[in-house]
Amino acid sequence: MGRLNVKVVPGSSRDQIVGWLGDALKIKVTAPPEKGRANKAVVELLSMKLSVNTDDIEIVSGHSSPSKVIAITGMDDETIKKVFE
């Protein structure tokens, strides 16, 4: 199981993976940061980019923070980072 540090910017004009910001992947989503909507949008965006099921992606920490740690089942850290290079 791989882990990914992300920095989420909710309420953006479009959903996009911006790129690396230090050791965290910056992700912008249109969803607002309320009732888990932005978190759900992040999981769906990562699911499409990594070609994995949304059930294989779990937010481990930072549920109500812009900085999150996400676990991805079936992938290691190195494989995950290569996808976003």
C-alpha atoms as a PDB file:
ATOM      1  CA  MET A   1       0.000   0.000   0.000  1.00  0.00           C
ATOM      2  CA  GLY A   2       1.460   3.308  -1.101  1.00  0.00           C
ATOM      3  CA  ARG A   3       0.980   6.672   0.519  1.00  0.00           C
ATOM      4  CA  LEU A   4       0.693  10.067  -1.061  1.00  0.00           C
ATOM      5  CA  ASN A   5       0.863  13.498   0.588  1.00  0.00           C
ATOM      6  CA  VAL A   6      -1.486  15.972  -1.047  1.00  0.00           C
ATOM      7  CA  LYS A   7      -2.342  19.651  -0.704  1.00  0.00           C
ATOM      8  CA  VAL A   8      -5.946  20.261  -1.712  1.00  0.00           C
ATOM      9  CA  VAL A   9      -7.330  23.580  -2.961  1.00  0.00           C
ATOM     10  CA  PRO A  10     -11.141  23.335  -2.882  1.00  0.00           C
ATOM     11  CA  GLY A  11     -13.492  25.703  -4.705  1.00  0.00           C
ATOM     12  CA  SER A  12     -11.210  26.072  -7.750  1.00  0.00           C
ATOM     13  CA  SER A  13     -12.400  26.849 -11.259  1.00  0.00           C
ATOM     14  CA  ARG A  14     -11.707  23.266 -12.408  1.00  0.00           C
ATOM     15  CA  ASP A  15     -10.555  19.857 -11.200  1.00  0.00           C
ATOM     16  CA  GLN A  16      -6.866  19.369 -11.900  1.00  0.00           C
ATOM     17  CA  ILE A  17      -3.672  17.873 -10.590  1.00  0.00           C
ATOM     18  CA  VAL A  18      -1.295  20.838 -10.553  1.00  0.00           C
ATOM     19  CA  GLY A  19       1.957  19.071  -9.740  1.00  0.00           C
ATOM     20  CA  TRP A  20       4.450  18.673  -6.935  1.00  0.00           C
ATOM     21  CA  LEU A  21       4.674  21.294  -4.213  1.00  0.00           C
ATOM     22  CA  GLY A  22       7.671  20.094  -2.215  1.00  0.00           C
ATOM     23  CA  ASP A  23       6.848  16.513  -1.202  1.00  0.00           C
ATOM     24  CA  ALA A  24       3.076  16.981  -1.626  1.00  0.00           C
ATOM     25  CA  LEU A  25       0.995  16.717  -4.779  1.00  0.00           C
ATOM     26  CA  LYS A  26      -1.128  19.848  -5.270  1.00  0.00           C
ATOM     27  CA  ILE A  27      -4.681  19.107  -6.378  1.00  0.00           C
ATOM     28  CA  LYS A  28      -7.398  21.640  -7.217  1.00  0.00           C
ATOM     29  CA  VAL A  29     -11.065  20.645  -7.125  1.00  0.00           C
ATOM     30  CA  THR A  30     -14.234  22.583  -7.872  1.00  0.00           C
ATOM     31  CA  ALA A  31     -16.093  21.016  -4.943  1.00  0.00           C
ATOM     32  CA  PRO A  32     -16.499  23.099  -1.784  1.00  0.00           C
ATOM     33  CA  PRO A  33     -14.789  22.039   1.455  1.00  0.00           C
ATOM     34  CA  GLU A  34     -18.018  21.013   3.177  1.00  0.00           C
ATOM     35  CA  LYS A  35     -19.600  17.681   4.051  1.00  0.00           C
ATOM     36  CA  GLY A  36     -16.653  15.794   2.527  1.00  0.00           C
ATOM     37  CA  ARG A  37     -17.373  16.988  -1.018  1.00  0.00           C
ATOM     38  CA  ALA A  38     -13.805  18.133  -1.736  1.00  0.00           C
ATOM     39  CA  ASN A  39     -12.409  14.888  -0.281  1.00  0.00           C
ATOM     40  CA  LYS A  40     -14.714  12.848  -2.520  1.00  0.00           C
ATOM     41  CA  ALA A  41     -13.645  14.881  -5.566  1.00  0.00           C
ATOM     42  CA  VAL A  42      -9.958  14.302  -4.735  1.00  0.00           C
ATOM     43  CA  VAL A  43     -10.511  10.537  -4.430  1.00  0.00           C
ATOM     44  CA  GLU A  44     -12.373  10.451  -7.761  1.00  0.00           C
ATOM     45  CA  LEU A  45      -9.679  12.497  -9.536  1.00  0.00           C
ATOM     46  CA  LEU A  46      -6.876  10.294  -8.180  1.00  0.00           C
ATOM     47  CA  SER A  47      -8.871   7.189  -9.082  1.00  0.00           C
ATOM     48  CA  MET A  48      -9.053   8.253 -12.728  1.00  0.00           C
ATOM     49  CA  LYS A  49      -5.391   9.304 -12.924  1.00  0.00           C
ATOM     50  CA  LEU A  50      -4.063   6.146 -11.218  1.00  0.00           C
ATOM     51  CA  SER A  51      -6.558   3.808 -12.955  1.00  0.00           C
ATOM     52  CA  VAL A  52      -7.705   2.273  -9.681  1.00  0.00           C
ATOM     53  CA  ASN A  53     -11.102   1.874  -8.071  1.00  0.00           C
ATOM     54  CA  THR A  54     -12.208   4.609  -5.654  1.00  0.00           C
ATOM     55  CA  ASP A  55     -12.500   1.878  -2.995  1.00  0.00           C
ATOM     56  CA  ASP A  56      -8.699   1.435  -3.234  1.00  0.00           C
ATOM     57  CA  ILE A  57      -8.087   5.053  -2.198  1.00  0.00           C
ATOM     58  CA  GLU A  58      -8.462   6.121   1.417  1.00  0.00           C
ATOM     59  CA  ILE A  59      -7.786   9.434   3.140  1.00  0.00           C
ATOM     60  CA  VAL A  60      -5.726   8.388   6.162  1.00  0.00           C
ATOM     61  CA  SER A  61      -5.312  11.800   7.791  1.00  0.00           C
ATOM     62  CA  GLY A  62      -6.279  15.413   7.190  1.00  0.00           C
ATOM     63  CA  HIS A  63      -9.997  14.911   6.570  1.00  0.00           C
ATOM     64  CA  SER A  64     -10.737  18.558   7.441  1.00  0.00           C
ATOM     65  CA  SER A  65      -7.363  20.008   6.456  1.00  0.00           C
ATOM     66  CA  PRO A  66      -5.909  21.035   3.076  1.00  0.00           C
ATOM     67  CA  SER A  67      -2.914  18.768   3.781  1.00  0.00           C
ATOM     68  CA  LYS A  68      -3.870  15.104   3.559  1.00  0.00           C
ATOM     69  CA  VAL A  69      -2.222  11.705   3.570  1.00  0.00           C
ATOM     70  CA  ILE A  70      -3.838   9.276   1.142  1.00  0.00           C
ATOM     71  CA  ALA A  71      -3.292   5.515   1.033  1.00  0.00           C
ATOM     72  CA  ILE A  72      -3.610   3.651  -2.253  1.00  0.00           C
ATOM     73  CA  THR A  73      -4.074  -0.117  -2.144  1.00  0.00           C
ATOM     74  CA  GLY A  74      -2.215  -2.165  -4.733  1.00  0.00           C
ATOM     75  CA  MET A  75       0.464   0.437  -5.526  1.00  0.00           C
ATOM     76  CA  ASP A  76       3.762   1.316  -3.882  1.00  0.00           C
ATOM     77  CA  ASP A  77       5.098   4.829  -3.276  1.00  0.00           C
ATOM     78  CA  GLU A  78       7.519   4.706  -6.198  1.00  0.00           C
ATOM     79  CA  THR A  79       4.849   3.639  -8.706  1.00  0.00           C
ATOM     80  CA  ILE A  80       2.495   6.365  -7.488  1.00  0.00           C
ATOM     81  CA  LYS A  81       5.158   9.090  -7.830  1.00  0.00           C
ATOM     82  CA  LYS A  82       6.070   7.961 -11.369  1.00  0.00           C
ATOM     83  CA  VAL A  83       2.455   8.501 -12.494  1.00  0.00           C
ATOM     84  CA  PHE A  84       2.642  12.183 -11.508  1.00  0.00           C
ATOM     85  CA  GLU A  85       6.143  13.017 -12.849  1.00  0.00           C
END
